[in-house]
């Protein structure tokens, strides 16, 4: 197991470095900067803006130059440490993520302000998703012939096919509209408190519609994954031996079948880690949630490339870490993988 973890860490570091280089290259290829937006003016005149001229330095440690002439060839050119990748990586290792091109605020400060809001919305959504997913998958496995179970399966399948932005628009139209049911607010723009966890207690109504939009599209897929794993275990001889010991079917599903059924579910959970920290761009923008997803949207719209680069890199790093953790958990849950890889 130790060798496996070391290999995963080494390969993960290589992927992260490749993501950083590709992110810097992609952003350097995007035309325009904040200065090019004629309708916007810098908030502070003394703020140094991020422009494409700053990325005129070489991207990586070496580059390939084409020699023109009778004999056309490629020349490998060494750039040394004076390259964008080295400077960005060195700054990130020192926890210096640069400053915003718009107002000069450090990127880390903007991240610290937006992160709790994404956490406050994503954590209850993931918790509700897991609880409902386990409960409905077990009920569907034990009582799949009941009417309410079949109706729930069909209804969740419909929600899965509905895009998130469309579901958010429909919920706002019917449940945050004075012409229909004004049960919930349309967004968080009216909240003056900057502590989202205090808003859980003081303004819980603001979190209802965003959490519904985050839970419903993924619930049917989660139930299908767990249900398939439970059915596979219930069709095996091991299930018959467990029931013959006098254990109830529900307890047998929780204790014996659910850990094995969670193996494909663990791979799906690898994407949950970046979702907690990066938030949902569409949902946060529609409901005016000042989280990381909305920060990413506004930064792209205003061409605030230092913020975009850091959020892109941070989300990619969490995705790689999520898959590394899921690989380790899968090897722990399924001993057959250990035997086959030894």
Protein backbone atom coordinates (compact mmCIF):
# COMPACT_ATOMS: atom_id res chain seq x y z
CA UNK A 1 0.00 0.00 0.00
CA UNK A 2 2.85 2.40 0.79
CA UNK A 3 4.41 1.96 -2.65
CA UNK A 4 1.02 2.48 -4.24
CA UNK A 5 0.50 5.76 -2.34
CA UNK A 6 3.98 6.99 -3.29
CA UNK A 7 3.33 6.24 -6.96
CA UNK A 8 -0.04 8.01 -6.83
CA UNK A 9 1.51 11.07 -5.18
CA UNK A 10 4.31 11.25 -7.75
CA UNK A 11 1.97 10.86 -10.72
CA UNK A 12 -0.44 13.36 -9.17
CA UNK A 13 2.33 15.97 -8.82
CA UNK A 14 3.25 15.52 -12.48
CA UNK A 15 -0.38 15.99 -13.51
CA UNK A 16 -0.71 19.11 -11.33
CA UNK A 17 2.40 20.66 -12.87
CA UNK A 18 1.08 19.86 -16.33
CA UNK A 19 -2.25 21.47 -15.45
CA UNK A 20 -0.48 24.62 -14.26
CA UNK A 21 1.50 24.86 -17.50
CA UNK A 22 -1.56 24.23 -19.69
CA UNK A 23 -3.62 26.76 -17.72
CA UNK A 24 -0.98 29.44 -18.15
CA UNK A 25 -0.76 28.67 -21.86
CA UNK A 26 -4.54 28.80 -22.39
CA UNK A 27 -4.94 32.10 -20.56
CA UNK A 28 -2.01 33.60 -22.48
CA UNK A 29 -3.82 32.72 -25.73
CA UNK A 30 -7.05 34.50 -24.76
CA UNK A 31 -7.16 37.93 -26.44
CA UNK A 32 -7.87 41.04 -24.41
CA UNK A 33 -7.56 42.10 -20.80
CA UNK A 34 -9.45 44.21 -18.29
CA UNK A 35 -8.05 47.37 -19.89
CA UNK A 36 -9.73 46.45 -23.18
CA UNK A 37 -13.20 46.69 -21.65
CA UNK A 38 -14.02 50.26 -22.60
CA UNK A 39 -17.08 50.45 -20.37
CA UNK A 40 -15.11 49.59 -17.23
CA UNK A 41 -12.56 51.74 -15.45
CA UNK A 42 -10.11 50.65 -12.75
CA UNK A 43 -11.35 51.31 -9.25
CA UNK A 44 -7.95 52.62 -8.22
CA UNK A 45 -5.67 54.47 -10.63
CA UNK A 46 -2.55 53.16 -8.92
CA UNK A 47 -3.47 49.52 -9.53
CA UNK A 48 -1.18 47.73 -11.92
CA UNK A 49 -3.33 45.89 -14.41
CA UNK A 50 -2.65 42.44 -15.77
CA UNK A 51 -2.14 42.66 -19.52
CA UNK A 52 -0.95 40.31 -22.19
CA UNK A 53 2.32 42.21 -22.34
CA UNK A 54 3.21 40.72 -18.99
CA UNK A 55 2.91 37.24 -20.46
CA UNK A 56 5.35 38.07 -23.28
CA UNK A 57 8.07 36.31 -21.33
CA UNK A 58 8.57 32.66 -22.30
CA UNK A 59 5.99 30.23 -21.02
CA UNK A 60 8.26 27.35 -19.98
CA UNK A 61 11.89 26.49 -19.31
CA UNK A 62 12.52 25.72 -22.96
CA UNK A 63 10.89 26.57 -26.25
CA UNK A 64 11.08 25.48 -29.84
CA UNK A 65 12.08 28.08 -32.44
CA UNK A 66 11.82 27.64 -36.18
CA UNK A 67 14.86 28.58 -38.27
CA UNK A 68 13.93 30.20 -41.54
CA UNK A 69 16.06 29.83 -44.63
CA UNK A 70 16.97 27.25 -47.18
CA UNK A 71 17.23 24.52 -44.55
CA UNK A 72 14.19 24.92 -42.30
CA UNK A 73 14.66 23.30 -38.90
CA UNK A 74 13.57 23.52 -35.30
CA UNK A 75 15.87 24.86 -32.61
CA UNK A 76 15.40 23.96 -28.95
CA UNK A 77 15.91 27.13 -26.94
CA UNK A 78 16.59 27.12 -23.17
CA UNK A 79 14.89 29.99 -21.32
CA UNK A 80 16.23 29.38 -17.83
CA UNK A 81 14.27 30.55 -14.81
CA UNK A 82 12.95 33.64 -16.55
CA UNK A 83 9.71 32.03 -17.65
CA UNK A 84 6.08 32.36 -16.66
CA UNK A 85 5.74 28.78 -15.35
CA UNK A 86 8.70 29.08 -12.97
CA UNK A 87 7.62 32.48 -11.66
CA UNK A 88 4.01 31.39 -11.10
CA UNK A 89 4.99 28.11 -9.44
CA UNK A 90 7.50 29.86 -7.15
CA UNK A 91 4.89 32.43 -6.14
CA UNK A 92 2.25 29.76 -5.46
CA UNK A 93 4.67 27.78 -3.30
CA UNK A 94 5.18 30.96 -1.25
CA UNK A 95 1.36 31.31 -0.99
CA UNK A 96 1.54 34.43 -3.13
CA UNK A 97 -1.32 34.13 -5.61
CA UNK A 98 -1.02 37.59 -7.08
CA UNK A 99 -3.40 40.54 -7.06
CA UNK A 100 -6.63 41.20 -8.88
CA UNK A 101 -6.29 43.20 -12.10
CA UNK A 102 -9.42 45.18 -11.25
CA UNK A 103 -9.01 46.48 -7.71
CA UNK A 104 -5.57 45.23 -6.65
CA UNK A 105 -7.00 43.06 -3.87
CA UNK A 106 -4.87 39.93 -3.27
CA UNK A 107 -6.33 36.84 -4.91
CA UNK A 108 -5.99 34.91 -1.65
CA UNK A 109 -8.16 37.50 0.11
CA UNK A 110 -10.88 37.23 -2.52
CA UNK A 111 -10.72 33.46 -2.22
CA UNK A 112 -11.02 33.63 1.59
CA UNK A 113 -14.12 35.82 1.28
CA UNK A 114 -15.88 33.63 -1.28
CA UNK A 115 -14.90 30.19 -0.01
CA UNK A 116 -17.20 30.10 3.09
CA UNK A 117 -20.25 30.86 0.94
CA UNK A 118 -19.57 27.95 -1.40
CA UNK A 119 -18.94 25.74 1.62
CA UNK A 120 -22.18 26.87 3.27
CA UNK A 121 -24.22 25.85 0.21
CA UNK A 122 -22.33 22.75 -0.91
CA UNK A 123 -21.94 20.99 2.46
CA UNK A 124 -25.67 20.68 3.29
CA UNK A 125 -26.39 19.79 -0.33
CA UNK A 126 -23.86 16.94 -0.29
CA UNK A 127 -25.06 15.73 3.11
CA UNK A 128 -28.69 15.67 1.96
CA UNK A 129 -27.66 14.00 -1.29
CA UNK A 130 -25.83 11.20 0.53
CA UNK A 131 -28.59 10.59 3.08
CA UNK A 132 -31.37 10.53 0.49
CA UNK A 133 -29.26 8.48 -1.92
CA UNK A 134 -28.53 5.73 0.62
CA UNK A 135 -32.09 5.71 1.96
CA UNK A 136 -33.83 5.60 -1.43
CA UNK A 137 -31.42 3.04 -2.89
CA UNK A 138 -32.03 0.67 0.04
CA UNK A 139 -35.80 1.23 -0.09
CA UNK A 140 -35.78 0.64 -3.83
CA UNK A 141 -33.80 -2.59 -3.36
CA UNK A 142 -36.09 -3.91 -0.63
CA UNK A 143 -39.45 -2.49 -1.72
CA UNK A 144 -39.07 -1.77 -5.41
CA UNK A 145 -42.63 -2.86 -6.12
CA UNK A 146 -44.21 -0.13 -4.01
CA UNK A 147 -45.95 2.72 -5.78
CA UNK A 148 -44.13 5.57 -4.05
CA UNK A 149 -40.75 4.02 -4.80
CA UNK A 150 -41.55 3.71 -8.51
CA UNK A 151 -42.92 7.26 -8.61
CA UNK A 152 -39.79 8.57 -6.89
CA UNK A 153 -37.53 6.77 -9.37
CA UNK A 154 -39.40 8.13 -12.40
CA UNK A 155 -39.58 11.64 -10.97
CA UNK A 156 -35.88 11.73 -10.16
CA UNK A 157 -35.11 10.49 -13.66
CA UNK A 158 -36.98 13.51 -15.02
CA UNK A 159 -35.00 15.86 -12.76
CA UNK A 160 -31.75 14.33 -13.99
CA UNK A 161 -32.58 15.26 -17.58
CA UNK A 162 -33.32 18.89 -16.63
CA UNK A 163 -30.29 21.24 -16.87
CA UNK A 164 -29.34 23.00 -13.66
CA UNK A 165 -29.91 26.53 -14.97
CA UNK A 166 -33.37 25.56 -16.26
CA UNK A 167 -34.36 24.01 -12.93
CA UNK A 168 -33.14 27.10 -11.10
CA UNK A 169 -35.15 29.34 -13.42
CA UNK A 170 -38.31 27.25 -12.94
CA UNK A 171 -37.92 27.25 -9.16
CA UNK A 172 -37.49 31.02 -9.14
CA UNK A 173 -40.49 31.46 -11.45
CA UNK A 174 -42.88 29.39 -9.35
CA UNK A 175 -41.57 29.75 -5.79
CA UNK A 176 -39.94 33.21 -5.74
CA UNK A 177 -42.41 35.09 -7.89
CA UNK A 178 -45.20 37.27 -6.55
CA UNK A 179 -47.42 36.14 -9.41
CA UNK A 180 -47.31 32.52 -8.15
CA UNK A 181 -45.88 31.41 -4.79
CA UNK A 182 -43.62 33.90 -3.05
CA UNK A 183 -42.27 31.33 -0.59
CA UNK A 184 -38.54 31.94 -0.97
CA UNK A 185 -36.29 34.90 -1.88
CA UNK A 186 -34.92 35.09 -5.40
CA UNK A 187 -31.30 35.47 -4.33
CA UNK A 188 -28.84 36.35 -1.61
CA UNK A 189 -28.26 39.92 -2.75
CA UNK A 190 -30.42 41.21 0.12
CA UNK A 191 -28.25 39.58 2.83
CA UNK A 192 -26.03 42.12 4.57
CA UNK A 193 -24.27 39.65 6.87
CA UNK A 194 -20.91 38.35 5.63
CA UNK A 195 -20.97 35.17 7.73
CA UNK A 196 -22.77 32.44 5.73
CA UNK A 197 -22.87 30.04 8.66
CA UNK A 198 -24.75 32.62 10.72
CA UNK A 199 -27.14 32.93 7.78
CA UNK A 200 -27.90 29.22 8.12
CA UNK A 201 -29.70 30.06 11.36
CA UNK A 202 -30.89 33.59 10.65
CA UNK A 203 -31.86 33.28 6.97
CA UNK A 204 -32.35 29.58 6.14
CA UNK A 205 -34.92 30.39 3.45
CA UNK A 206 -32.15 31.74 1.20
CA UNK A 207 -30.49 28.32 0.99
CA UNK A 208 -33.53 26.20 0.11
CA UNK A 209 -33.76 26.75 -3.66
CA UNK A 210 -29.98 26.57 -4.34
CA UNK A 211 -29.69 23.33 -2.38
CA UNK A 212 -32.64 21.82 -4.29
CA UNK A 213 -30.92 22.69 -7.58
CA UNK A 214 -27.72 21.01 -6.42
CA UNK A 215 -29.35 17.86 -5.00
CA UNK A 216 -32.05 16.83 -7.48
CA UNK A 217 -29.99 16.51 -10.71
CA UNK A 218 -27.44 14.20 -9.02
CA UNK A 219 -29.77 12.17 -6.82
CA UNK A 220 -31.08 9.81 -9.50
CA UNK A 221 -27.56 9.04 -10.75
CA UNK A 222 -26.35 8.33 -7.21
CA UNK A 223 -29.30 6.01 -6.52
CA UNK A 224 -28.66 4.12 -9.75
CA UNK A 225 -25.01 3.53 -8.82
CA UNK A 226 -25.81 2.30 -5.31
CA UNK A 227 -28.78 0.25 -6.47
CA UNK A 228 -26.74 -1.61 -9.07
CA UNK A 229 -24.10 -2.46 -6.47
CA UNK A 230 -26.70 -3.60 -3.94
CA UNK A 231 -28.43 -5.80 -6.50
CA UNK A 232 -25.14 -7.44 -7.44
CA UNK A 233 -24.49 -8.30 -3.80
CA UNK A 234 -28.06 -9.52 -3.23
CA UNK A 235 -27.71 -11.95 -6.17
CA UNK A 236 -24.54 -13.52 -4.77
CA UNK A 237 -24.22 -16.57 -2.53
CA UNK A 238 -22.71 -14.39 0.19
CA UNK A 239 -26.08 -12.65 0.57
CA UNK A 240 -27.79 -15.98 1.20
CA UNK A 241 -25.25 -16.90 3.87
CA UNK A 242 -25.72 -13.53 5.59
CA UNK A 243 -29.51 -13.91 5.70
CA UNK A 244 -29.22 -17.47 6.99
CA UNK A 245 -27.47 -16.13 10.09
CA UNK A 246 -30.71 -14.46 11.18
CA UNK A 247 -29.78 -10.87 10.27
CA UNK A 248 -32.59 -8.73 8.86
CA UNK A 249 -32.44 -7.71 5.20
CA UNK A 250 -32.11 -4.02 6.02
CA UNK A 251 -29.23 -4.56 8.43
CA UNK A 252 -27.53 -6.90 5.98
CA UNK A 253 -27.72 -4.21 3.31
CA UNK A 254 -26.15 -1.64 5.61
CA UNK A 255 -23.43 -3.83 7.08
CA UNK A 256 -22.46 -6.20 4.25
CA UNK A 257 -23.82 -5.05 0.90
CA UNK A 258 -23.43 -1.27 1.14
CA UNK A 259 -19.60 -1.21 1.60
CA UNK A 260 -19.15 -3.33 -1.53
CA UNK A 261 -21.75 -1.31 -3.44
CA UNK A 262 -19.87 1.86 -2.51
CA UNK A 263 -16.85 0.99 -4.69
CA UNK A 264 -18.20 2.59 -7.92
CA UNK A 265 -19.80 5.26 -5.75
CA UNK A 266 -16.34 6.17 -4.43
CA UNK A 267 -15.20 7.04 -7.96
CA UNK A 268 -18.19 9.33 -8.32
CA UNK A 269 -17.37 10.89 -4.96
CA UNK A 270 -13.97 11.93 -6.33
CA UNK A 271 -15.69 14.86 -8.01
CA UNK A 272 -17.35 15.97 -4.79
CA UNK A 273 -14.14 17.39 -3.29
CA UNK A 274 -13.60 20.08 -5.96
CA UNK A 275 -17.35 20.78 -5.94
CA UNK A 276 -17.20 21.70 -2.26
CA UNK A 277 -14.47 24.27 -2.79
CA UNK A 278 -15.16 25.55 -6.29
CA UNK A 279 -18.93 25.73 -6.00
CA UNK A 280 -21.32 25.80 -8.91
CA UNK A 281 -20.79 28.64 -11.37
CA UNK A 282 -24.32 28.60 -12.81
CA UNK A 283 -26.23 28.11 -9.54
CA UNK A 284 -24.23 30.71 -7.63
CA UNK A 285 -24.65 33.24 -10.41
CA UNK A 286 -28.42 32.72 -10.71
CA UNK A 287 -29.03 32.97 -6.95
CA UNK A 288 -26.40 35.71 -6.41
CA UNK A 289 -24.37 33.59 -4.00
CA UNK A 290 -21.01 35.34 -3.40
CA UNK A 291 -19.06 32.08 -3.57
CA UNK A 292 -16.18 30.79 -5.65
CA UNK A 293 -18.39 29.85 -8.59
CA UNK A 294 -19.71 33.39 -8.91
CA UNK A 295 -16.21 34.77 -8.37
CA UNK A 296 -15.03 32.64 -11.31
CA UNK A 297 -17.89 33.89 -13.49
CA UNK A 298 -17.28 37.56 -12.68
CA UNK A 299 -13.51 37.18 -13.11
CA UNK A 300 -13.90 35.64 -16.56
CA UNK A 301 -16.41 38.31 -17.58
CA UNK A 302 -14.13 41.12 -16.46
CA UNK A 303 -10.98 39.35 -17.69
CA UNK A 304 -9.41 39.27 -14.25
CA UNK A 305 -6.88 36.65 -15.30
CA UNK A 306 -4.89 36.29 -12.03
CA UNK A 307 -8.09 35.26 -10.22
CA UNK A 308 -9.16 32.97 -13.07
CA UNK A 309 -5.76 31.28 -13.19
CA UNK A 310 -5.69 30.58 -9.46
CA UNK A 311 -9.28 29.26 -9.31
CA UNK A 312 -8.67 27.06 -12.35
CA UNK A 313 -5.47 25.67 -10.85
CA UNK A 314 -7.02 25.19 -7.40
CA UNK A 315 -10.02 23.29 -8.79
CA UNK A 316 -7.77 21.09 -10.93
CA UNK A 317 -5.55 20.26 -7.93
CA UNK A 318 -8.58 19.25 -5.87
CA UNK A 319 -9.84 17.06 -8.72
CA UNK A 320 -6.51 15.22 -8.87
CA UNK A 321 -6.49 14.83 -5.08
CA UNK A 322 -10.06 13.54 -5.16
CA UNK A 323 -9.19 10.76 -7.59
CA UNK A 324 -6.07 9.87 -5.63
CA UNK A 325 -8.11 9.51 -2.44
CA UNK A 326 -10.76 7.46 -4.24
CA UNK A 327 -8.08 5.05 -5.55
CA UNK A 328 -6.82 4.48 -2.02
CA UNK A 329 -10.34 3.96 -0.64
CA UNK A 330 -11.20 1.49 -3.42
CA UNK A 331 -8.12 -0.59 -2.62
CA UNK A 332 -9.18 -0.60 1.02
CA UNK A 333 -12.77 -1.65 0.28
CA UNK A 334 -11.95 -4.30 -2.32
CA UNK A 335 -9.13 -6.70 -1.29
CA UNK A 336 -9.20 -8.27 -4.77
CA UNK A 337 -7.53 -5.16 -6.18
CA UNK A 338 -4.63 -5.58 -3.75
CA UNK A 339 -4.13 -9.20 -4.84
CA UNK A 340 -4.25 -8.39 -8.56
CA UNK A 341 -1.77 -5.52 -8.28
CA UNK A 342 0.82 -7.22 -6.10
